[in-house]
Amino acid sequence: MDGESGALNPEDAKLITLARSVRARNGTDEGAAVRDLDGRTYTASSVDLPSLTLSALDAAVVVAASSGARGLESAAVVTAAQPDDIDPGAVTDLGGSGTPIHVARPDGTPTGLRNA
């Protein structure tokens, strides 16, 4: 978000669009997208298997890390959960504290910003 106006910058809006797309495509509760320090984006949806459960945000960080990302600029998650319910742990691990996590409803409406 732009610090002055509170408006979402275009690159972070793109993360929300990507997160919405992966959520819809996979028919899951959550979708997430992260942008690494080189500007590459990675997406994932929530995973709910008998032996493995991951939030979409955790899964997106795993995809970024396994693809060689050395840090994160920003993240977005599309979910029915509230921003305070989002666990920033994986984003903090790869992006460091203060990495912004944009939270949006399934319709793409931003509901808040959580920092890792």
C-alpha atoms as a PDB file:
ATOM      1  CA  MET A   1       0.000   0.000   0.000  1.00  0.00           C
ATOM      2  CA  ASP A   2       1.108   3.518  -0.670  1.00  0.00           C
ATOM      3  CA  GLY A   3       1.999   5.046   2.689  1.00  0.00           C
ATOM      4  CA  GLU A   4       0.420   8.405   1.852  1.00  0.00           C
ATOM      5  CA  SER A   5      -2.915   7.444   0.310  1.00  0.00           C
ATOM      6  CA  GLY A   6      -3.390   3.889   1.546  1.00  0.00           C
ATOM      7  CA  ALA A   7      -3.897   2.819  -2.094  1.00  0.00           C
ATOM      8  CA  LEU A   8      -2.521  -0.502  -3.246  1.00  0.00           C
ATOM      9  CA  ASN A   9       0.406  -0.071  -5.639  1.00  0.00           C
ATOM     10  CA  PRO A  10       0.061  -1.832  -9.022  1.00  0.00           C
ATOM     11  CA  GLU A  11       2.601  -4.561  -8.244  1.00  0.00           C
ATOM     12  CA  ASP A  12       0.827  -5.501  -5.002  1.00  0.00           C
ATOM     13  CA  ALA A  13      -2.569  -5.360  -6.728  1.00  0.00           C
ATOM     14  CA  LYS A  14      -1.122  -7.852  -9.233  1.00  0.00           C
ATOM     15  CA  LEU A  15      -0.255 -10.189  -6.340  1.00  0.00           C
ATOM     16  CA  ILE A  16      -3.878 -10.116  -5.196  1.00  0.00           C
ATOM     17  CA  THR A  17      -5.065 -10.859  -8.742  1.00  0.00           C
ATOM     18  CA  LEU A  18      -2.667 -13.807  -8.992  1.00  0.00           C
ATOM     19  CA  ALA A  19      -3.746 -15.101  -5.576  1.00  0.00           C
ATOM     20  CA  ARG A  20      -7.422 -14.880  -6.577  1.00  0.00           C
ATOM     21  CA  SER A  21      -6.690 -16.737  -9.808  1.00  0.00           C
ATOM     22  CA  VAL A  22      -4.880 -19.660  -8.195  1.00  0.00           C
ATOM     23  CA  ARG A  23      -7.591 -19.935  -5.521  1.00  0.00           C
ATOM     24  CA  ALA A  24     -10.348 -20.056  -8.163  1.00  0.00           C
ATOM     25  CA  ARG A  25      -8.437 -22.391 -10.491  1.00  0.00           C
ATOM     26  CA  ASN A  26      -7.791 -24.908  -7.717  1.00  0.00           C
ATOM     27  CA  GLY A  27     -11.138 -24.486  -5.938  1.00  0.00           C
ATOM     28  CA  THR A  28      -9.498 -23.979  -2.542  1.00  0.00           C
ATOM     29  CA  ASP A  29     -10.215 -21.816   0.496  1.00  0.00           C
ATOM     30  CA  GLU A  30      -7.114 -19.665   0.036  1.00  0.00           C
ATOM     31  CA  GLY A  31      -4.781 -18.457  -2.671  1.00  0.00           C
ATOM     32  CA  ALA A  32      -1.512 -16.608  -2.203  1.00  0.00           C
ATOM     33  CA  ALA A  33       1.210 -14.942  -4.232  1.00  0.00           C
ATOM     34  CA  VAL A  34       4.642 -13.678  -3.240  1.00  0.00           C
ATOM     35  CA  ARG A  35       7.176 -11.494  -5.073  1.00  0.00           C
ATOM     36  CA  ASP A  36      10.876 -12.099  -4.586  1.00  0.00           C
ATOM     37  CA  LEU A  37      13.699  -9.574  -4.562  1.00  0.00           C
ATOM     38  CA  ASP A  38      14.195 -10.005  -8.323  1.00  0.00           C
ATOM     39  CA  GLY A  39      10.519  -9.265  -9.056  1.00  0.00           C
ATOM     40  CA  ARG A  40       9.557 -12.863  -9.826  1.00  0.00           C
ATOM     41  CA  THR A  41       6.177 -14.028  -8.539  1.00  0.00           C
ATOM     42  CA  TYR A  42       5.148 -17.387  -7.144  1.00  0.00           C
ATOM     43  CA  THR A  43       1.618 -18.582  -6.444  1.00  0.00           C
ATOM     44  CA  ALA A  44       0.036 -21.400  -4.497  1.00  0.00           C
ATOM     45  CA  SER A  45      -3.254 -22.438  -2.990  1.00  0.00           C
ATOM     46  CA  SER A  46      -3.945 -24.003   0.366  1.00  0.00           C
ATOM     47  CA  VAL A  47      -3.117 -27.706   0.649  1.00  0.00           C
ATOM     48  CA  ASP A  48      -5.262 -30.116   2.652  1.00  0.00           C
ATOM     49  CA  LEU A  49      -4.034 -33.688   2.299  1.00  0.00           C
ATOM     50  CA  PRO A  50      -4.234 -36.468   4.881  1.00  0.00           C
ATOM     51  CA  SER A  51      -0.516 -36.162   5.604  1.00  0.00           C
ATOM     52  CA  LEU A  52       0.106 -32.469   4.785  1.00  0.00           C
ATOM     53  CA  THR A  53      -1.765 -29.252   5.503  1.00  0.00           C
ATOM     54  CA  LEU A  54      -0.391 -25.878   4.394  1.00  0.00           C
ATOM     55  CA  SER A  55      -1.892 -22.444   4.225  1.00  0.00           C
ATOM     56  CA  ALA A  56      -1.712 -20.855   0.789  1.00  0.00           C
ATOM     57  CA  LEU A  57       0.795 -18.324   2.090  1.00  0.00           C
ATOM     58  CA  ASP A  58       3.072 -21.039   3.473  1.00  0.00           C
ATOM     59  CA  ALA A  59       2.791 -22.968   0.200  1.00  0.00           C
ATOM     60  CA  ALA A  60       3.685 -19.883  -1.874  1.00  0.00           C
ATOM     61  CA  VAL A  61       6.751 -19.267   0.282  1.00  0.00           C
ATOM     62  CA  VAL A  62       7.780 -22.912  -0.182  1.00  0.00           C
ATOM     63  CA  VAL A  63       7.479 -22.537  -3.960  1.00  0.00           C
ATOM     64  CA  ALA A  64       9.574 -19.343  -3.871  1.00  0.00           C
ATOM     65  CA  ALA A  65      12.237 -20.841  -1.603  1.00  0.00           C
ATOM     66  CA  SER A  66      12.459 -24.056  -3.623  1.00  0.00           C
ATOM     67  CA  SER A  67      12.847 -21.948  -6.786  1.00  0.00           C
ATOM     68  CA  GLY A  68      15.872 -20.172  -5.331  1.00  0.00           C
ATOM     69  CA  ALA A  69      14.342 -16.926  -4.037  1.00  0.00           C
ATOM     70  CA  ARG A  70      16.710 -15.278  -1.551  1.00  0.00           C
ATOM     71  CA  GLY A  71      14.138 -12.924  -0.064  1.00  0.00           C
ATOM     72  CA  LEU A  72      10.664 -11.454  -0.502  1.00  0.00           C
ATOM     73  CA  GLU A  73       9.482  -7.936  -1.305  1.00  0.00           C
ATOM     74  CA  SER A  74       5.782  -8.509  -0.707  1.00  0.00           C
ATOM     75  CA  ALA A  75       3.061 -11.128  -0.303  1.00  0.00           C
ATOM     76  CA  ALA A  76      -0.704 -11.352  -0.730  1.00  0.00           C
ATOM     77  CA  VAL A  77      -3.279 -13.847   0.447  1.00  0.00           C
ATOM     78  CA  VAL A  78      -6.914 -14.132  -0.612  1.00  0.00           C
ATOM     79  CA  THR A  79      -8.942 -15.650   2.181  1.00  0.00           C
ATOM     80  CA  ALA A  80     -12.053 -15.318   4.318  1.00  0.00           C
ATOM     81  CA  ALA A  81      -9.763 -14.963   7.366  1.00  0.00           C
ATOM     82  CA  GLN A  82      -9.031 -11.621   8.976  1.00  0.00           C
ATOM     83  CA  PRO A  83      -5.555 -10.048   8.669  1.00  0.00           C
ATOM     84  CA  ASP A  84      -4.765 -10.765  12.336  1.00  0.00           C
ATOM     85  CA  ASP A  85      -5.503 -14.470  11.742  1.00  0.00           C
ATOM     86  CA  ILE A  86      -2.776 -14.779   9.091  1.00  0.00           C
ATOM     87  CA  ASP A  87       0.378 -16.507  10.330  1.00  0.00           C
ATOM     88  CA  PRO A  88       3.322 -14.506   8.960  1.00  0.00           C
ATOM     89  CA  GLY A  89       5.969 -17.054  10.023  1.00  0.00           C
ATOM     90  CA  ALA A  90       7.057 -18.366   6.624  1.00  0.00           C
ATOM     91  CA  VAL A  91       7.064 -14.870   5.096  1.00  0.00           C
ATOM     92  CA  THR A  92       9.206 -13.649   7.993  1.00  0.00           C
ATOM     93  CA  ASP A  93      11.597 -16.569   7.504  1.00  0.00           C
ATOM     94  CA  LEU A  94      12.233 -15.774   3.830  1.00  0.00           C
ATOM     95  CA  GLY A  95      11.453 -12.064   3.636  1.00  0.00           C
ATOM     96  CA  GLY A  96      12.420 -10.804   7.063  1.00  0.00           C
ATOM     97  CA  SER A  97      10.362  -8.885   9.562  1.00  0.00           C
ATOM     98  CA  GLY A  98       8.420  -6.027   8.055  1.00  0.00           C
ATOM     99  CA  THR A  99       7.668  -7.766   4.744  1.00  0.00           C
ATOM    100  CA  PRO A 100       4.145  -6.621   3.843  1.00  0.00           C
ATOM    101  CA  ILE A 101       1.383  -9.219   3.562  1.00  0.00           C
ATOM    102  CA  HIS A 102      -1.697  -7.860   1.799  1.00  0.00           C
ATOM    103  CA  VAL A 103      -4.898  -9.640   2.786  1.00  0.00           C
ATOM    104  CA  ALA A 104      -7.969  -9.627   0.550  1.00  0.00           C
ATOM    105  CA  ARG A 105     -11.399 -11.219   0.527  1.00  0.00           C
ATOM    106  CA  PRO A 106     -12.216 -13.839  -2.112  1.00  0.00           C
ATOM    107  CA  ASP A 107     -13.717 -11.079  -4.280  1.00  0.00           C
ATOM    108  CA  GLY A 108     -10.357  -9.271  -4.236  1.00  0.00           C
ATOM    109  CA  THR A 109     -11.351  -6.475  -1.857  1.00  0.00           C
ATOM    110  CA  PRO A 110      -8.363  -5.658   0.388  1.00  0.00           C
ATOM    111  CA  THR A 111      -9.154  -6.164   4.072  1.00  0.00           C
ATOM    112  CA  GLY A 112      -5.855  -5.128   5.555  1.00  0.00           C
ATOM    113  CA  LEU A 113      -2.120  -5.275   5.712  1.00  0.00           C
ATOM    114  CA  ARG A 114      -0.143  -7.498   8.006  1.00  0.00           C
ATOM    115  CA  ASN A 115       3.603  -7.169   8.330  1.00  0.00           C
ATOM    116  CA  ALA A 116       5.787 -10.203   8.759  1.00  0.00           C
END
